[in-house]
Amino acid sequence: MKRRVLMQTGSILLLLGTHRFAVGASIVAVRIWPAAEYSRVTIESDADLQVKHFLISSPHRLVVDIDGFNLDPTLKELVAKVQPDDPNIAGIRVGQFTPTVTRLVIDLKQAIKPQVFTLAPVAAYQHRLVFDLYPSVQADPLEALIASRLGDRGTSDNEKSKSSDSRAQESDPLGDLIAQKNKATANPAPVAPKATINTDRLIIIAIDPGHGGEDPGASGPGGTLEKDVVLSIAHLLRDRINNTKINGNVMRAYLTRDADFFVPLHVRVQKARRVQADLFVSIHADAFYTPRPQGASVFALSEGGASSSAARWMADKENKADRIGGLNVKAKDAQVQRAMLDMSTTAQINDSLKLGGAMLGEIGRVGKLHKPKVEQAGFAVLKAPDIPSVLVEAAFISNPDEEAKLANPEYQQQLASALMRGIERYFAKNPPLARARTT
């Protein structure tokens, strides 16, 4: 029966061609945001859409019926927007199921747990219908980081073995005979092996590129988007962290997003805690009403009020990211996770100020500073109770000169290096605490 219904949908679509019905809402835009973590499909319209959805297996499909809506040509653009490397979506079909119902069939690459919800108009967006397609089986990010470290060890051991084999092949037979004779005549007493202490501890730095997906963040006068710039800087910082050791301890970077997709503020905090991060660094790019402000800033959380009116304004602006990006407020764990954002401690804030100070000093070596000290405000993304956390505003993207710098790959490299030096300066005075997590 289900197969016959879906085939009927395809037949109707062929009969409709490019014909558009004039009844109901109009589609403003359609977007797809693919990522390994989840893929998002967004349908933006000039009126609220009423939907019903259900899953079909063998093969996996998500069927969505939009009630009181007639086929819109813009909606059919979804078909061409599916990318071949989308981890979750194989394809999308759309057709007029009944005279007043439009049906979408999303062909899936794996079993998913969908979240389907609507968003009221906000910022530049009108009404949005959102499908968040989460894989049924989520990968464990901490296991991936540890596996990466163990993979490095295996490579290192293989290289040592190859080096040893090479030396054996190049050994001098006469020299070997002499060595064996000396060993037999000397007959030294056995020496107890020295006790070895394994001090190798995996140090994890959570890097949080701000905004993403439906939330572009600020934009410069030349059209540069904050979400793109900060993701690029985050990738460069990740490379530096993954190639650095602190007191012999291997470091690994974990990105809260490694592609262009939206991550709610409380989920960014949750992710950092899930991998037991030692530090949390959120990267952003300022914007203001006028193009004159310039310089980088570093923020830590405030227990009370903000350290300045500008800091308060900045925190309020950044904390609105969930509304713009599209948070599903009906998700079961949303309230629980947001409640955890009130568990920050004085010790965490003090450590955050130390980290921020170390970073600010290094950033000042490659660019201008907006303020000479670390500022504080109630940034939601900094409220991990057990992780020193800072928010870096790399520059004012609303300033034309600084927008050009932020878009410059060479400056991005310099800024990533400055952030890395700041992390190293922090650990030089504040060694990571001993934990059970070792490799």
Protein backbone atom coordinates (compact mmCIF):
# COMPACT_ATOMS: atom_id res chain seq x y z
CA MET A 1 0.00 0.00 0.00
CA LYS A 2 2.75 2.44 1.00
CA ARG A 3 4.68 1.63 -2.16
CA ARG A 4 1.59 2.32 -4.29
CA VAL A 5 1.06 5.68 -2.54
CA LEU A 6 4.66 6.74 -3.18
CA MET A 7 4.44 5.68 -6.84
CA GLN A 8 1.25 7.70 -7.13
CA THR A 9 3.13 10.71 -5.77
CA GLY A 10 5.76 10.40 -8.50
CA SER A 11 3.10 10.08 -11.21
CA ILE A 12 1.28 13.17 -9.99
CA LEU A 13 4.54 15.13 -10.00
CA LEU A 14 5.15 14.23 -13.65
CA LEU A 15 1.62 15.29 -14.61
CA LEU A 16 1.93 18.62 -12.79
CA GLY A 17 5.10 19.68 -14.54
CA THR A 18 5.83 23.32 -13.70
CA HIS A 19 2.20 24.22 -13.01
CA ARG A 20 1.68 26.22 -9.83
CA PHE A 21 -1.47 26.33 -7.82
CA ALA A 22 -2.47 29.75 -6.49
CA VAL A 23 -3.97 28.51 -3.24
CA GLY A 24 -2.27 28.78 0.18
CA ALA A 25 1.10 30.03 1.36
CA SER A 26 4.06 30.77 -0.89
CA ILE A 27 7.55 29.37 -0.38
CA VAL A 28 10.20 32.06 0.09
CA ALA A 29 13.30 29.84 0.10
CA VAL A 30 14.47 26.27 0.69
CA ARG A 31 17.80 25.25 2.21
CA ILE A 32 19.68 22.06 3.13
CA TRP A 33 22.51 21.97 5.68
CA PRO A 34 24.30 18.58 5.51
CA ALA A 35 26.58 17.38 8.32
CA ALA A 36 27.66 14.09 9.84
CA GLU A 37 26.03 15.07 13.12
CA TYR A 38 22.67 15.78 11.49
CA SER A 39 21.24 17.16 8.26
CA ARG A 40 18.75 20.01 8.32
CA VAL A 41 16.11 20.82 5.70
CA THR A 42 14.47 24.25 5.97
CA ILE A 43 11.40 25.48 4.12
CA GLU A 44 10.78 29.20 4.56
CA SER A 45 7.32 30.55 3.72
CA ASP A 46 5.24 33.71 4.04
CA ALA A 47 2.69 31.91 6.25
CA ASP A 48 2.75 29.12 8.80
CA LEU A 49 2.69 25.58 7.37
CA GLN A 50 0.80 22.66 8.91
CA VAL A 51 2.51 19.30 8.53
CA LYS A 52 2.25 15.61 9.33
CA HIS A 53 5.14 13.17 8.97
CA PHE A 54 5.94 9.48 9.27
CA LEU A 55 8.90 7.15 8.70
CA ILE A 56 9.11 4.19 6.31
CA SER A 57 11.84 1.55 6.41
CA SER A 58 13.33 -0.77 3.75
CA PRO A 59 14.53 1.56 2.39
CA HIS A 60 14.54 4.35 4.95
CA ARG A 61 12.36 7.34 4.02
CA LEU A 62 10.75 10.29 5.77
CA VAL A 63 7.36 11.28 4.36
CA VAL A 64 6.08 14.80 5.10
CA ASP A 65 2.60 16.01 4.16
CA ILE A 66 2.00 19.77 4.09
CA ASP A 67 -1.71 20.41 4.62
CA GLY A 68 -3.60 23.25 2.93
CA PHE A 69 -0.75 23.87 0.53
CA ASN A 70 -0.46 23.58 -3.22
CA LEU A 71 2.74 22.83 -5.07
CA ASP A 72 5.12 25.77 -5.32
CA PRO A 73 8.00 25.79 -7.87
CA THR A 74 10.40 27.03 -5.20
CA LEU A 75 9.68 23.94 -3.13
CA LYS A 76 10.84 21.71 -5.99
CA GLU A 77 14.28 23.36 -5.78
CA LEU A 78 14.93 21.05 -2.82
CA VAL A 79 15.44 18.18 -5.27
CA ALA A 80 18.56 19.80 -6.79
CA LYS A 81 19.93 21.02 -3.45
CA VAL A 82 20.75 17.55 -2.12
CA GLN A 83 24.52 17.08 -2.19
CA PRO A 84 26.02 13.70 -3.14
CA ASP A 85 28.16 13.64 0.00
CA ASP A 86 25.28 14.38 2.38
CA PRO A 87 25.75 11.74 5.12
CA ASN A 88 22.02 11.38 5.74
CA ILE A 89 19.95 12.39 2.69
CA ALA A 90 20.06 10.35 -0.54
CA GLY A 91 17.45 12.41 -2.39
CA ILE A 92 14.18 14.32 -2.12
CA ARG A 93 10.98 13.95 -4.12
CA VAL A 94 8.03 16.34 -4.03
CA GLY A 95 4.57 16.23 -5.53
CA GLN A 96 0.89 17.18 -5.16
CA PHE A 97 -0.56 14.26 -3.19
CA THR A 98 -4.14 15.63 -3.07
CA PRO A 99 -5.57 18.95 -4.28
CA THR A 100 -4.73 20.48 -0.88
CA VAL A 101 -1.79 18.39 0.32
CA THR A 102 1.80 18.52 -0.94
CA ARG A 103 3.97 15.52 -0.11
CA LEU A 104 7.73 15.42 0.37
CA VAL A 105 9.55 12.09 0.38
CA ILE A 106 13.08 12.32 1.79
CA ASP A 107 15.12 9.25 0.84
CA LEU A 108 17.60 8.48 3.61
CA LYS A 109 21.03 6.85 3.65
CA GLN A 110 20.55 5.41 7.14
CA ALA A 111 18.01 5.09 9.93
CA ILE A 112 17.28 8.48 11.47
CA LYS A 113 15.44 10.07 14.38
CA PRO A 114 13.72 13.11 12.88
CA GLN A 115 12.74 16.31 14.63
CA VAL A 116 10.12 18.24 12.68
CA PHE A 117 9.11 21.67 13.99
CA THR A 118 8.17 25.20 12.96
CA LEU A 119 9.79 28.53 13.81
CA ALA A 120 8.10 31.91 14.08
CA PRO A 121 9.50 34.86 12.07
CA VAL A 122 12.71 36.32 13.52
CA ALA A 123 15.45 38.61 12.20
CA ALA A 124 15.55 38.28 8.40
CA TYR A 125 13.53 35.05 8.36
CA GLN A 126 9.81 34.55 7.83
CA HIS A 127 8.00 31.35 8.89
CA ARG A 128 10.24 28.29 8.82
CA LEU A 129 9.43 24.59 8.68
CA VAL A 130 12.46 22.57 9.81
CA PHE A 131 13.37 18.87 9.52
CA ASP A 132 16.41 17.90 11.61
CA LEU A 133 17.53 14.41 10.60
CA TYR A 134 19.69 12.81 13.32
CA PRO A 135 21.30 9.38 12.75
CA SER A 136 19.72 6.78 15.01
CA VAL A 137 23.20 5.74 16.16
CA GLN A 138 25.36 8.70 17.19
CA ALA A 139 29.15 8.41 17.21
CA ASP A 140 30.95 8.99 20.52
CA PRO A 141 33.25 12.02 20.03
CA LEU A 142 35.49 11.15 22.98
CA GLU A 143 36.09 7.67 21.60
CA ALA A 144 37.04 9.24 18.26
CA LEU A 145 39.60 11.51 19.92
CA ILE A 146 41.13 8.64 21.88
CA ALA A 147 41.18 6.45 18.76
CA SER A 148 43.02 9.23 16.95
CA ARG A 149 45.63 9.29 19.70
CA LEU A 150 46.01 5.51 19.69
CA GLY A 151 46.37 5.62 15.92
CA ASP A 152 49.27 8.04 16.29
CA ARG A 153 50.89 5.68 18.79
CA GLY A 154 50.53 2.76 16.42
CA THR A 155 52.18 4.75 13.64
CA SER A 156 55.00 5.77 15.97
CA ASP A 157 55.58 2.16 17.10
CA ASN A 158 55.61 0.98 13.49
CA GLU A 159 58.19 3.62 12.59
CA LYS A 160 60.37 2.52 15.53
CA SER A 161 60.06 -1.12 14.44
CA LYS A 162 60.98 -0.27 10.87
CA SER A 163 63.98 1.73 12.09
CA SER A 164 65.11 -1.20 14.25
CA ASP A 165 64.73 -3.64 11.34
CA SER A 166 66.72 -1.31 9.12
CA ARG A 167 69.58 -1.12 11.62
CA ALA A 168 69.58 -4.92 11.94
CA GLN A 169 69.91 -5.32 8.18
CA GLU A 170 72.84 -2.89 8.11
CA SER A 171 74.69 -4.51 11.10
CA ASP A 172 78.33 -5.66 10.82
CA PRO A 173 78.61 -9.51 11.22
CA LEU A 174 82.17 -9.25 12.59
CA GLY A 175 81.10 -6.60 15.04
CA ASP A 176 78.24 -8.84 16.19
CA LEU A 177 80.66 -11.70 16.93
CA ILE A 178 82.94 -9.40 18.95
CA ALA A 179 79.99 -8.06 20.92
CA GLN A 180 78.77 -11.58 21.74
CA LYS A 181 82.26 -12.58 22.98
CA ASN A 182 82.58 -9.47 25.18
CA LYS A 183 79.14 -10.12 26.63
CA ALA A 184 80.03 -13.72 27.48
CA THR A 185 83.32 -12.84 29.18
CA ALA A 186 82.07 -9.82 31.09
CA ASN A 187 79.02 -11.67 32.51
CA PRO A 188 77.72 -8.58 34.31
CA ALA A 189 75.21 -8.82 37.16
CA PRO A 190 71.60 -8.21 36.08
CA VAL A 191 70.40 -4.65 36.58
CA ALA A 192 66.86 -4.04 37.78
CA PRO A 193 64.87 -2.08 35.20
CA LYS A 194 64.01 1.49 36.07
CA ALA A 195 60.44 2.15 37.03
CA THR A 196 58.60 3.99 34.27
CA ILE A 197 55.88 6.51 34.91
CA ASN A 198 53.29 7.01 32.21
CA THR A 199 52.60 10.74 32.22
CA ASP A 200 50.90 10.75 28.83
CA ARG A 201 47.51 12.41 29.29
CA LEU A 202 45.26 13.41 26.45
CA ILE A 203 44.59 17.17 26.69
CA ILE A 204 41.38 18.12 24.89
CA ILE A 205 40.60 21.64 23.72
CA ALA A 206 37.03 22.34 22.62
CA ILE A 207 36.97 24.89 19.81
CA ASP A 208 33.59 26.49 19.20
CA PRO A 209 33.17 28.29 15.85
CA GLY A 210 30.24 30.64 16.49
CA HIS A 211 26.95 30.60 14.58
CA GLY A 212 26.56 28.34 11.50
CA GLY A 213 23.82 27.01 9.26
CA GLU A 214 20.65 29.06 9.51
CA ASP A 215 22.49 31.53 11.75
CA PRO A 216 25.08 33.42 9.64
CA GLY A 217 26.17 35.67 12.51
CA ALA A 218 27.37 39.14 11.59
CA SER A 219 28.20 40.18 8.06
CA GLY A 220 30.72 42.72 6.80
CA PRO A 221 30.04 45.55 4.35
CA GLY A 222 31.69 43.42 1.67
CA GLY A 223 29.45 40.43 2.37
CA THR A 224 31.88 38.37 4.45
CA LEU A 225 29.94 36.15 6.87
CA GLU A 226 31.05 35.66 10.45
CA LYS A 227 30.16 31.96 10.43
CA ASP A 228 32.53 31.29 7.51
CA VAL A 229 35.48 33.26 8.91
CA VAL A 230 35.36 31.73 12.38
CA LEU A 231 35.08 28.19 10.99
CA SER A 232 38.20 28.76 8.90
CA ILE A 233 40.11 30.07 11.93
CA ALA A 234 38.87 27.12 14.01
CA HIS A 235 40.23 24.65 11.45
CA LEU A 236 43.64 26.35 11.53
CA LEU A 237 43.69 26.30 15.33
CA ARG A 238 42.70 22.63 15.32
CA ASP A 239 45.72 21.80 13.13
CA ARG A 240 48.04 23.58 15.56
CA ILE A 241 46.58 21.92 18.63
CA ASN A 242 46.79 18.45 17.08
CA ASN A 243 50.51 18.99 16.41
CA THR A 244 51.41 20.33 19.87
CA LYS A 245 52.39 18.69 23.14
CA ILE A 246 52.19 20.23 26.60
CA ASN A 247 54.85 18.81 28.98
CA GLY A 248 54.95 15.67 26.86
CA ASN A 249 51.18 15.30 26.85
CA VAL A 250 49.42 14.98 23.51
CA MET A 251 46.74 17.54 22.65
CA ARG A 252 43.63 17.04 20.59
CA ALA A 253 41.13 19.62 19.35
CA TYR A 254 37.40 18.96 19.27
CA LEU A 255 35.20 21.26 17.17
CA THR A 256 31.61 21.83 18.28
CA ARG A 257 30.90 22.19 14.57
CA ASP A 258 33.32 21.28 11.77
CA ALA A 259 31.05 22.35 8.91
CA ASP A 260 28.31 24.86 8.12
CA PHE A 261 25.46 23.76 10.39
CA PHE A 262 23.62 25.20 13.38
CA VAL A 263 24.43 24.12 16.95
CA PRO A 264 22.29 25.45 19.85
CA LEU A 265 24.16 27.26 22.61
CA HIS A 266 23.45 24.70 25.32
CA VAL A 267 24.52 21.88 22.98
CA ARG A 268 27.90 23.57 22.46
CA VAL A 269 28.42 23.46 26.22
CA GLN A 270 27.11 19.91 26.39
CA LYS A 271 29.53 18.78 23.67
CA ALA A 272 32.54 20.23 25.47
CA ARG A 273 31.56 18.45 28.69
CA ARG A 274 30.89 15.20 26.87
CA VAL A 275 34.50 15.01 25.64
CA GLN A 276 35.74 16.18 29.07
CA ALA A 277 37.44 19.19 27.52
CA ASP A 278 40.21 20.92 29.46
CA LEU A 279 39.48 24.29 27.82
CA PHE A 280 36.66 25.82 25.78
CA VAL A 281 37.42 28.53 23.20
CA SER A 282 34.50 30.11 21.32
CA ILE A 283 35.51 32.12 18.24
CA HIS A 284 33.43 35.03 16.89
CA ALA A 285 33.77 38.30 14.95
CA ASP A 286 32.22 41.51 16.30
CA ALA A 287 29.73 43.73 14.53
CA PHE A 288 28.41 47.14 15.53
CA TYR A 289 25.92 49.69 14.27
CA THR A 290 28.69 51.84 12.81
CA PRO A 291 31.87 50.83 10.91
CA ARG A 292 34.25 52.68 13.24
CA PRO A 293 34.83 50.25 16.17
CA GLN A 294 37.84 48.01 15.73
CA GLY A 295 40.08 45.58 17.57
CA ALA A 296 39.82 42.13 19.14
CA SER A 297 38.25 41.32 22.50
CA VAL A 298 38.28 38.35 24.86
CA PHE A 299 35.38 37.63 27.20
CA ALA A 300 34.90 35.43 30.25
CA LEU A 301 31.69 34.73 32.11
CA SER A 302 30.44 37.13 34.75
CA GLU A 303 28.83 36.01 38.02
CA GLY A 304 27.01 39.30 38.30
CA GLY A 305 26.61 42.16 35.86
CA ALA A 306 28.64 42.78 32.72
CA SER A 307 31.96 44.61 32.99
CA SER A 308 30.72 47.27 30.55
CA SER A 309 27.61 48.23 28.64
CA ALA A 310 29.32 47.10 25.44
CA ALA A 311 30.01 43.68 26.95
CA ARG A 312 26.37 43.39 28.03
CA TRP A 313 25.19 44.36 24.54
CA MET A 314 27.53 41.81 22.98
CA ALA A 315 26.34 39.01 25.26
CA ASP A 316 22.69 39.81 24.58
CA LYS A 317 23.35 39.71 20.85
CA GLU A 318 25.24 36.41 20.95
CA ASN A 319 22.65 34.82 23.23
CA LYS A 320 19.98 35.37 20.56
CA ALA A 321 21.74 32.86 18.28
CA ASP A 322 19.29 30.10 19.21
CA ARG A 323 16.30 32.10 17.99
CA ILE A 324 17.93 32.88 14.66
CA GLY A 325 19.59 29.50 14.16
CA GLY A 326 16.40 27.64 14.92
CA LEU A 327 16.28 25.85 18.28
CA ASN A 328 13.65 23.17 18.65
CA VAL A 329 12.24 24.26 22.00
CA LYS A 330 10.01 21.17 22.13
CA ALA A 331 12.97 18.78 22.21
CA LYS A 332 12.82 16.62 25.36
CA ASP A 333 16.22 17.58 26.74
CA ALA A 334 16.21 21.28 25.86
CA GLN A 335 14.96 22.54 29.25
CA VAL A 336 17.24 20.21 31.22
CA GLN A 337 20.33 21.26 29.27
CA ARG A 338 19.50 24.96 29.47
CA ALA A 339 19.07 24.62 33.24
CA MET A 340 22.63 23.32 33.46
CA LEU A 341 23.84 26.68 32.17
CA ASP A 342 23.29 28.11 35.66
CA MET A 343 25.85 25.83 37.33
CA SER A 344 28.99 27.90 36.70
CA THR A 345 31.44 28.28 39.56
CA THR A 346 33.76 31.00 40.82
CA ALA A 347 36.77 28.73 40.23
CA GLN A 348 35.77 28.22 36.60
CA ILE A 349 35.45 31.98 36.07
CA ASN A 350 38.83 32.67 37.69
CA ASP A 351 40.52 30.11 35.46
CA SER A 352 38.70 31.56 32.46
CA LEU A 353 40.09 35.01 33.26
CA LYS A 354 43.61 33.55 33.36
CA LEU A 355 43.10 31.86 29.99
CA GLY A 356 41.59 35.02 28.54
CA GLY A 357 44.50 37.13 29.74
CA ALA A 358 47.04 34.78 28.15
CA MET A 359 45.16 34.85 24.85
CA LEU A 360 44.62 38.61 24.86
CA GLY A 361 48.34 39.21 25.26
CA GLU A 362 49.13 37.05 22.23
CA ILE A 363 46.34 38.46 20.06
CA GLY A 364 47.71 41.95 20.74
CA ARG A 365 50.92 40.91 19.00
CA VAL A 366 49.19 40.33 15.65
CA GLY A 367 46.39 42.91 15.67
CA LYS A 368 44.70 45.72 17.51
CA LEU A 369 42.82 45.21 20.77
CA HIS A 370 39.45 46.76 21.44
CA LYS A 371 40.00 46.65 25.21
CA PRO A 372 43.31 46.00 27.03
CA LYS A 373 41.77 43.57 29.53
CA VAL A 374 39.46 40.58 29.56
CA GLU A 375 35.82 41.63 29.76
CA GLN A 376 32.99 39.75 31.42
CA ALA A 377 29.32 39.24 30.64
CA GLY A 378 26.62 36.57 30.78
CA PHE A 379 27.42 34.64 27.61
CA ALA A 380 25.36 31.44 27.65
CA VAL A 381 27.99 29.52 25.71
CA LEU A 382 30.58 30.09 28.47
CA LYS A 383 28.57 28.45 31.25
CA ALA A 384 30.28 25.07 31.47
CA PRO A 385 30.63 24.64 35.26
CA ASP A 386 33.88 22.68 35.11
CA ILE A 387 35.73 23.99 32.03
CA PRO A 388 37.69 27.26 31.77
CA SER A 389 35.89 29.02 28.92
CA VAL A 390 36.49 32.16 26.89
CA LEU A 391 34.85 33.85 23.94
CA VAL A 392 37.20 35.51 21.44
CA GLU A 393 35.86 38.29 19.24
CA ALA A 394 38.62 38.23 16.61
CA ALA A 395 37.85 41.68 15.12
CA PHE A 396 34.96 43.91 14.06
CA ILE A 397 33.70 42.41 10.82
CA SER A 398 31.53 45.51 10.45
CA ASN A 399 34.71 47.59 10.01
CA PRO A 400 35.78 47.44 6.31
CA ASP A 401 39.49 47.28 7.13
CA GLU A 402 39.04 44.54 9.69
CA GLU A 403 36.65 42.63 7.43
CA ALA A 404 39.46 42.51 4.85
CA LYS A 405 41.87 41.20 7.51
CA LEU A 406 39.45 38.53 8.70
CA ALA A 407 38.98 37.30 5.13
CA ASN A 408 42.75 37.23 4.54
CA PRO A 409 44.17 33.67 4.86
CA GLU A 410 47.51 35.02 6.08
CA TYR A 411 45.88 36.96 8.93
CA GLN A 412 43.77 33.93 9.82
CA GLN A 413 47.01 31.94 10.15
CA GLN A 414 48.50 34.63 12.39
CA LEU A 415 45.43 34.74 14.59
CA ALA A 416 45.29 30.94 14.93
CA SER A 417 48.97 30.95 15.95
CA ALA A 418 48.28 33.66 18.53
CA LEU A 419 45.43 31.63 20.04
CA MET A 420 47.71 28.59 20.18
CA ARG A 421 50.42 30.55 21.98
CA GLY A 422 47.80 31.79 24.44
CA ILE A 423 46.76 28.22 25.21
CA GLU A 424 50.41 27.23 25.75
CA ARG A 425 50.99 30.23 28.04
CA TYR A 426 47.97 29.27 30.11
CA PHE A 427 49.10 25.67 30.56
CA ALA A 428 52.64 26.80 31.42
CA LYS A 429 51.25 28.32 34.63
CA ASN A 430 48.17 26.12 35.04
CA PRO A 431 49.02 22.49 34.23
CA PRO A 432 46.00 20.32 33.39
CA LEU A 433 44.61 18.52 36.40
CA ALA A 434 45.15 14.79 36.75
CA ARG A 435 42.14 12.82 35.57
CA ALA A 436 41.21 9.22 34.96
CA ARG A 437 41.20 9.90 31.22
CA THR A 438 44.62 8.72 29.96
CA THR A 439 45.82 6.87 26.90
